[in-house]
Amino acid sequence: MITLKPGQSAYTRLHWGDVPAAGEPTKAEQNPTRLEVTPPDSVHHLNTAWKLGEVLQKGRIDITPLAKGTGPTF
């Protein structure tokens, strides 16, 4: 479990495919416009805009556990 104080942040890594799965079209049928996240032990979700392009492989997005900090710089 991560406990954050006001002003602290947490991050996660997302991974999605931009290569089609077997039998999938070579281009996504529709690009996502938002990402919906449900925090642990919550029944409410948060929405944020998705600006990272198409998601192939049947829309699957893998996520790592949250960690304290702002994440790596690229």
PDB file of N, CA and C in Angstrom:
ATOM      1  N   MET A   1       0.835  -1.164   0.000  1.00  0.00           N
ATOM      2  CA  MET A   1       0.000   0.000   0.000  1.00  0.00           C
ATOM      3  C   MET A   1       0.891   1.242   0.000  1.00  0.00           C
ATOM      4  N   ILE A   2       0.456   2.252  -0.725  1.00  0.00           N
ATOM      5  CA  ILE A   2       1.165   3.518  -0.786  1.00  0.00           C
ATOM      6  C   ILE A   2       0.293   4.579  -0.126  1.00  0.00           C
ATOM      7  N   THR A   3       0.875   5.333   0.761  1.00  0.00           N
ATOM      8  CA  THR A   3       0.182   6.467   1.364  1.00  0.00           C
ATOM      9  C   THR A   3       0.896   7.732   0.915  1.00  0.00           C
ATOM     10  N   LEU A   4       0.145   8.646   0.336  1.00  0.00           N
ATOM     11  CA  LEU A   4       0.721   9.894  -0.143  1.00  0.00           C
ATOM     12  C   LEU A   4       0.248  11.051   0.720  1.00  0.00           C
ATOM     13  N   LYS A   5       1.156  11.951   1.005  1.00  0.00           N
ATOM     14  CA  LYS A   5       0.813  13.186   1.699  1.00  0.00           C
ATOM     15  C   LYS A   5       0.417  14.218   0.647  1.00  0.00           C
ATOM     16  N   PRO A   6      -0.308  15.255   1.025  1.00  0.00           N
ATOM     17  CA  PRO A   6      -0.658  16.295   0.054  1.00  0.00           C
ATOM     18  C   PRO A   6       0.579  16.804  -0.678  1.00  0.00           C
ATOM     19  N   GLY A   7       0.480  16.887  -1.975  1.00  0.00           N
ATOM     20  CA  GLY A   7       1.586  17.364  -2.800  1.00  0.00           C
ATOM     21  C   GLY A   7       2.501  16.276  -3.325  1.00  0.00           C
ATOM     22  N   GLN A   8       2.437  15.069  -2.757  1.00  0.00           N
ATOM     23  CA  GLN A   8       3.253  13.955  -3.255  1.00  0.00           C
ATOM     24  C   GLN A   8       2.556  13.324  -4.463  1.00  0.00           C
ATOM     25  N   SER A   9       3.294  12.531  -5.199  1.00  0.00           N
ATOM     26  CA  SER A   9       2.722  11.894  -6.383  1.00  0.00           C
ATOM     27  C   SER A   9       3.140  10.437  -6.467  1.00  0.00           C
ATOM     28  N   ALA A  10       2.426   9.720  -7.295  1.00  0.00           N
ATOM     29  CA  ALA A  10       2.730   8.315  -7.579  1.00  0.00           C
ATOM     30  C   ALA A  10       2.647   8.133  -9.091  1.00  0.00           C
ATOM     31  N   TYR A  11       3.292   7.088  -9.581  1.00  0.00           N
ATOM     32  CA  TYR A  11       3.271   6.824 -11.013  1.00  0.00           C
ATOM     33  C   TYR A  11       3.133   5.333 -11.270  1.00  0.00           C
ATOM     34  N   THR A  12       2.826   5.012 -12.503  1.00  0.00           N
ATOM     35  CA  THR A  12       2.762   3.641 -12.969  1.00  0.00           C
ATOM     36  C   THR A  12       3.241   3.619 -14.419  1.00  0.00           C
ATOM     37  N   ARG A  13       3.611   2.465 -14.888  1.00  0.00           N
ATOM     38  CA  ARG A  13       3.974   2.323 -16.296  1.00  0.00           C
ATOM     39  C   ARG A  13       2.841   1.612 -17.024  1.00  0.00           C
ATOM     40  N   LEU A  14       2.520   2.125 -18.191  1.00  0.00           N
ATOM     41  CA  LEU A  14       1.513   1.504 -19.047  1.00  0.00           C
ATOM     42  C   LEU A  14       2.216   0.878 -20.240  1.00  0.00           C
ATOM     43  N   HIS A  15       1.700  -0.250 -20.696  1.00  0.00           N
ATOM     44  CA  HIS A  15       2.249  -0.901 -21.885  1.00  0.00           C
ATOM     45  C   HIS A  15       1.087  -1.370 -22.746  1.00  0.00           C
ATOM     46  N   TRP A  16       1.138  -1.043 -24.020  1.00  0.00           N
ATOM     47  CA  TRP A  16       0.095  -1.477 -24.941  1.00  0.00           C
ATOM     48  C   TRP A  16       0.736  -1.802 -26.276  1.00  0.00           C
ATOM     49  N   GLY A  17       0.014  -2.574 -27.050  1.00  0.00           N
ATOM     50  CA  GLY A  17       0.550  -3.017 -28.326  1.00  0.00           C
ATOM     51  C   GLY A  17       0.215  -2.073 -29.462  1.00  0.00           C
ATOM     52  N   ASP A  18       1.200  -1.816 -30.307  1.00  0.00           N
ATOM     53  CA  ASP A  18       0.923  -1.097 -31.543  1.00  0.00           C
ATOM     54  C   ASP A  18       1.188  -2.004 -32.742  1.00  0.00           C
ATOM     55  N   VAL A  19       1.330  -3.300 -32.446  1.00  0.00           N
ATOM     56  CA  VAL A  19       1.465  -4.327 -33.479  1.00  0.00           C
ATOM     57  C   VAL A  19       0.213  -5.191 -33.379  1.00  0.00           C
ATOM     58  N   PRO A  20      -0.480  -5.427 -34.482  1.00  0.00           N
ATOM     59  CA  PRO A  20      -1.738  -6.187 -34.404  1.00  0.00           C
ATOM     60  C   PRO A  20      -1.543  -7.625 -33.945  1.00  0.00           C
ATOM     61  N   ALA A  21      -2.522  -8.128 -33.208  1.00  0.00           N
ATOM     62  CA  ALA A  21      -2.555  -9.538 -32.809  1.00  0.00           C
ATOM     63  C   ALA A  21      -3.001 -10.367 -34.006  1.00  0.00           C
ATOM     64  N   ALA A  22      -2.848 -11.670 -33.906  1.00  0.00           N
ATOM     65  CA  ALA A  22      -3.266 -12.567 -34.991  1.00  0.00           C
ATOM     66  C   ALA A  22      -4.748 -12.352 -35.286  1.00  0.00           C
ATOM     67  N   GLY A  23      -5.067 -12.153 -36.559  1.00  0.00           N
ATOM     68  CA  GLY A  23      -6.447 -11.976 -36.977  1.00  0.00           C
ATOM     69  C   GLY A  23      -6.997 -10.576 -36.754  1.00  0.00           C
ATOM     70  N   GLU A  24      -6.178  -9.681 -36.258  1.00  0.00           N
ATOM     71  CA  GLU A  24      -6.628  -8.308 -35.979  1.00  0.00           C
ATOM     72  C   GLU A  24      -6.254  -7.408 -37.162  1.00  0.00           C
ATOM     73  N   PRO A  25      -7.076  -6.397 -37.450  1.00  0.00           N
ATOM     74  CA  PRO A  25      -6.704  -5.470 -38.532  1.00  0.00           C
ATOM     75  C   PRO A  25      -5.373  -4.782 -38.228  1.00  0.00           C
ATOM     76  N   THR A  26      -4.710  -4.294 -39.267  1.00  0.00           N
ATOM     77  CA  THR A  26      -3.411  -3.653 -39.078  1.00  0.00           C
ATOM     78  C   THR A  26      -3.537  -2.239 -38.515  1.00  0.00           C
ATOM     79  N   LYS A  27      -4.741  -1.731 -38.442  1.00  0.00           N
ATOM     80  CA  LYS A  27      -4.997  -0.416 -37.866  1.00  0.00           C
ATOM     81  C   LYS A  27      -6.163  -0.554 -36.902  1.00  0.00           C
ATOM     82  N   ALA A  28      -6.107   0.170 -35.784  1.00  0.00           N
ATOM     83  CA  ALA A  28      -7.187   0.117 -34.805  1.00  0.00           C
ATOM     84  C   ALA A  28      -8.488   0.603 -35.441  1.00  0.00           C
ATOM     85  N   GLU A  29      -9.586  -0.047 -35.095  1.00  0.00           N
ATOM     86  CA  GLU A  29     -10.881   0.362 -35.622  1.00  0.00           C
ATOM     87  C   GLU A  29     -11.259   1.752 -35.110  1.00  0.00           C
ATOM     88  N   GLN A  30     -10.865   2.044 -33.888  1.00  0.00           N
ATOM     89  CA  GLN A  30     -11.161   3.343 -33.293  1.00  0.00           C
ATOM     90  C   GLN A  30     -10.078   3.664 -32.276  1.00  0.00           C
ATOM     91  N   ASN A  31      -9.556   4.871 -32.317  1.00  0.00           N
ATOM     92  CA  ASN A  31      -8.544   5.273 -31.346  1.00  0.00           C
ATOM     93  C   ASN A  31      -9.219   5.667 -30.041  1.00  0.00           C
ATOM     94  N   PRO A  32      -8.648   5.278 -28.904  1.00  0.00           N
ATOM     95  CA  PRO A  32      -9.238   5.677 -27.629  1.00  0.00           C
ATOM     96  C   PRO A  32      -9.125   7.185 -27.440  1.00  0.00           C
ATOM     97  N   THR A  33     -10.059   7.740 -26.687  1.00  0.00           N
ATOM     98  CA  THR A  33     -10.028   9.169 -26.387  1.00  0.00           C
ATOM     99  C   THR A  33      -9.834   9.428 -24.902  1.00  0.00           C
ATOM    100  N   ARG A  34     -10.070   8.398 -24.078  1.00  0.00           N
ATOM    101  CA  ARG A  34      -9.910   8.582 -22.634  1.00  0.00           C
ATOM    102  C   ARG A  34      -9.443   7.288 -21.999  1.00  0.00           C
ATOM    103  N   LEU A  35      -8.854   7.430 -20.828  1.00  0.00           N
ATOM    104  CA  LEU A  35      -8.425   6.304 -20.013  1.00  0.00           C
ATOM    105  C   LEU A  35      -9.212   6.376 -18.718  1.00  0.00           C
ATOM    106  N   GLU A  36      -9.819   5.282 -18.345  1.00  0.00           N
ATOM    107  CA  GLU A  36     -10.612   5.214 -17.119  1.00  0.00           C
ATOM    108  C   GLU A  36      -9.848   4.388 -16.099  1.00  0.00           C
ATOM    109  N   VAL A  37      -9.620   4.944 -14.908  1.00  0.00           N
ATOM    110  CA  VAL A  37      -8.841   4.283 -13.863  1.00  0.00           C
ATOM    111  C   VAL A  37      -9.692   4.178 -12.604  1.00  0.00           C
ATOM    112  N   THR A  38      -9.765   2.967 -12.058  1.00  0.00           N
ATOM    113  CA  THR A  38     -10.460   2.754 -10.791  1.00  0.00           C
ATOM    114  C   THR A  38      -9.412   2.446  -9.732  1.00  0.00           C
ATOM    115  N   PRO A  39      -9.218   3.353  -8.774  1.00  0.00           N
ATOM    116  CA  PRO A  39      -8.227   3.109  -7.719  1.00  0.00           C
ATOM    117  C   PRO A  39      -8.599   1.882  -6.880  1.00  0.00           C
ATOM    118  N   PRO A  40      -7.618   1.240  -6.263  1.00  0.00           N
ATOM    119  CA  PRO A  40      -7.902   0.080  -5.410  1.00  0.00           C
ATOM    120  C   PRO A  40      -8.910   0.428  -4.311  1.00  0.00           C
ATOM    121  N   ASP A  41      -9.762  -0.510  -4.000  1.00  0.00           N
ATOM    122  CA  ASP A  41     -10.771  -0.359  -2.946  1.00  0.00           C
ATOM    123  C   ASP A  41     -11.732   0.793  -3.207  1.00  0.00           C
ATOM    124  N   SER A  42     -11.942   1.136  -4.453  1.00  0.00           N
ATOM    125  CA  SER A  42     -12.842   2.229  -4.791  1.00  0.00           C
ATOM    126  C   SER A  42     -13.910   1.739  -5.760  1.00  0.00           C
ATOM    127  N   VAL A  43     -15.065   2.360  -5.700  1.00  0.00           N
ATOM    128  CA  VAL A  43     -16.109   2.055  -6.673  1.00  0.00           C
ATOM    129  C   VAL A  43     -16.248   3.195  -7.679  1.00  0.00           C
ATOM    130  N   HIS A  44     -15.474   4.259  -7.491  1.00  0.00           N
ATOM    131  CA  HIS A  44     -15.501   5.403  -8.393  1.00  0.00           C
ATOM    132  C   HIS A  44     -14.253   5.390  -9.268  1.00  0.00           C
ATOM    133  N   HIS A  45     -14.410   5.839 -10.494  1.00  0.00           N
ATOM    134  CA  HIS A  45     -13.264   5.880 -11.390  1.00  0.00           C
ATOM    135  C   HIS A  45     -12.895   7.316 -11.738  1.00  0.00           C
ATOM    136  N   LEU A  46     -11.670   7.471 -12.198  1.00  0.00           N
ATOM    137  CA  LEU A  46     -11.154   8.750 -12.653  1.00  0.00           C
ATOM    138  C   LEU A  46     -10.971   8.660 -14.162  1.00  0.00           C
ATOM    139  N   ASN A  47     -11.238   9.738 -14.862  1.00  0.00           N
ATOM    140  CA  ASN A  47     -11.030   9.786 -16.306  1.00  0.00           C
ATOM    141  C   ASN A  47      -9.918  10.762 -16.635  1.00  0.00           C
ATOM    142  N   THR A  48      -9.128  10.413 -17.624  1.00  0.00           N
ATOM    143  CA  THR A  48      -8.119  11.332 -18.137  1.00  0.00           C
ATOM    144  C   THR A  48      -8.075  11.170 -19.649  1.00  0.00           C
ATOM    145  N   ALA A  49      -7.686  12.199 -20.337  1.00  0.00           N
ATOM    146  CA  ALA A  49      -7.611  12.134 -21.802  1.00  0.00           C
ATOM    147  C   ALA A  49      -6.517  11.165 -22.230  1.00  0.00           C
ATOM    148  N   TRP A  50      -6.765  10.403 -23.279  1.00  0.00           N
ATOM    149  CA  TRP A  50      -5.780   9.495 -23.871  1.00  0.00           C
ATOM    150  C   TRP A  50      -5.245  10.171 -25.123  1.00  0.00           C
ATOM    151  N   LYS A  51      -3.966  10.513 -25.130  1.00  0.00           N
ATOM    152  CA  LYS A  51      -3.356  11.205 -26.265  1.00  0.00           C
ATOM    153  C   LYS A  51      -2.165  10.427 -26.808  1.00  0.00           C
ATOM    154  N   LEU A  52      -2.151   9.110 -26.573  1.00  0.00           N
ATOM    155  CA  LEU A  52      -0.984   8.310 -26.927  1.00  0.00           C
ATOM    156  C   LEU A  52      -1.204   7.413 -28.141  1.00  0.00           C
ATOM    157  N   GLY A  53      -2.204   7.732 -28.952  1.00  0.00           N
ATOM    158  CA  GLY A  53      -2.396   7.002 -30.198  1.00  0.00           C
ATOM    159  C   GLY A  53      -3.223   5.742 -30.061  1.00  0.00           C
ATOM    160  N   GLU A  54      -3.146   4.933 -31.108  1.00  0.00           N
ATOM    161  CA  GLU A  54      -3.994   3.745 -31.152  1.00  0.00           C
ATOM    162  C   GLU A  54      -3.494   2.644 -30.229  1.00  0.00           C
ATOM    163  N   VAL A  55      -4.430   1.783 -29.840  1.00  0.00           N
ATOM    164  CA  VAL A  55      -4.135   0.634 -28.986  1.00  0.00           C
ATOM    165  C   VAL A  55      -4.624  -0.607 -29.728  1.00  0.00           C
ATOM    166  N   LEU A  56      -3.686  -1.413 -30.180  1.00  0.00           N
ATOM    167  CA  LEU A  56      -4.037  -2.652 -30.871  1.00  0.00           C
ATOM    168  C   LEU A  56      -4.061  -3.801 -29.867  1.00  0.00           C
ATOM    169  N   GLN A  57      -4.051  -5.025 -30.380  1.00  0.00           N
ATOM    170  CA  GLN A  57      -4.120  -6.239 -29.554  1.00  0.00           C
ATOM    171  C   GLN A  57      -5.373  -6.227 -28.683  1.00  0.00           C
ATOM    172  N   LYS A  58      -6.481  -5.926 -29.370  1.00  0.00           N
ATOM    173  CA  LYS A  58      -7.823  -5.944 -28.771  1.00  0.00           C
ATOM    174  C   LYS A  58      -7.981  -4.937 -27.630  1.00  0.00           C
ATOM    175  N   GLY A  59      -7.231  -3.835 -27.672  1.00  0.00           N
ATOM    176  CA  GLY A  59      -7.369  -2.766 -26.695  1.00  0.00           C
ATOM    177  C   GLY A  59      -6.736  -3.031 -25.347  1.00  0.00           C
ATOM    178  N   ARG A  60      -5.907  -4.042 -25.259  1.00  0.00           N
ATOM    179  CA  ARG A  60      -5.300  -4.402 -23.976  1.00  0.00           C
ATOM    180  C   ARG A  60      -4.217  -3.400 -23.562  1.00  0.00           C
ATOM    181  N   ILE A  61      -4.290  -2.955 -22.308  1.00  0.00           N
ATOM    182  CA  ILE A  61      -3.264  -2.098 -21.724  1.00  0.00           C
ATOM    183  C   ILE A  61      -2.828  -2.744 -20.421  1.00  0.00           C
ATOM    184  N   ASP A  62      -1.537  -3.038 -20.293  1.00  0.00           N
ATOM    185  CA  ASP A  62      -0.990  -3.603 -19.063  1.00  0.00           C
ATOM    186  C   ASP A  62      -0.479  -2.465 -18.191  1.00  0.00           C
ATOM    187  N   ILE A  63      -0.562  -2.655 -16.884  1.00  0.00           N
ATOM    188  CA  ILE A  63      -0.184  -1.620 -15.940  1.00  0.00           C
ATOM    189  C   ILE A  63       0.661  -2.240 -14.825  1.00  0.00           C
ATOM    190  N   THR A  64       1.664  -1.499 -14.353  1.00  0.00           N
ATOM    191  CA  THR A  64       2.475  -1.968 -13.226  1.00  0.00           C
ATOM    192  C   THR A  64       1.905  -1.375 -11.935  1.00  0.00           C
ATOM    193  N   PRO A  65       2.258  -1.929 -10.790  1.00  0.00           N
ATOM    194  CA  PRO A  65       1.792  -1.353  -9.522  1.00  0.00           C
ATOM    195  C   PRO A  65       2.285   0.091  -9.362  1.00  0.00           C
ATOM    196  N   LEU A  66       1.520   0.874  -8.644  1.00  0.00           N
ATOM    197  CA  LEU A  66       1.909   2.255  -8.374  1.00  0.00           C
ATOM    198  C   LEU A  66       3.165   2.305  -7.508  1.00  0.00           C
ATOM    199  N   ALA A  67       3.958   3.335  -7.730  1.00  0.00           N
ATOM    200  CA  ALA A  67       5.165   3.579  -6.935  1.00  0.00           C
ATOM    201  C   ALA A  67       5.215   5.068  -6.604  1.00  0.00           C
ATOM    202  N   LYS A  68       5.785   5.397  -5.455  1.00  0.00           N
ATOM    203  CA  LYS A  68       5.924   6.803  -5.091  1.00  0.00           C
ATOM    204  C   LYS A  68       6.894   7.501  -6.047  1.00  0.00           C
ATOM    205  N   GLY A  69       6.639   8.760  -6.304  1.00  0.00           N
ATOM    206  CA  GLY A  69       7.534   9.553  -7.142  1.00  0.00           C
ATOM    207  C   GLY A  69       6.858   9.996  -8.409  1.00  0.00           C
ATOM    208  N   THR A  70       7.663  10.586  -9.281  1.00  0.00           N
ATOM    209  CA  THR A  70       7.128  11.107 -10.541  1.00  0.00           C
ATOM    210  C   THR A  70       7.463  10.216 -11.728  1.00  0.00           C
ATOM    211  N   GLY A  71       8.191   9.145 -11.496  1.00  0.00           N
ATOM    212  CA  GLY A  71       8.522   8.218 -12.575  1.00  0.00           C
ATOM    213  C   GLY A  71       9.803   8.608 -13.278  1.00  0.00           C
ATOM    214  N   PRO A  72      10.243   7.727 -14.180  1.00  0.00           N
ATOM    215  CA  PRO A  72      11.491   7.990 -14.910  1.00  0.00           C
ATOM    216  C   PRO A  72      11.311   9.112 -15.924  1.00  0.00           C
ATOM    217  N   THR A  73      12.372   9.793 -16.228  1.00  0.00           N
ATOM    218  CA  THR A  73      12.350  10.806 -17.294  1.00  0.00           C
ATOM    219  C   THR A  73      12.836  10.166 -18.568  1.00  0.00           C
ATOM    220  N   PHE A  74      12.215  10.516 -19.646  1.00  0.00           N
ATOM    221  CA  PHE A  74      12.581   9.974 -20.961  1.00  0.00           C
ATOM    222  C   PHE A  74      13.133  11.041 -21.841  1.00  0.00           C
TER     223      PHE A  74
END
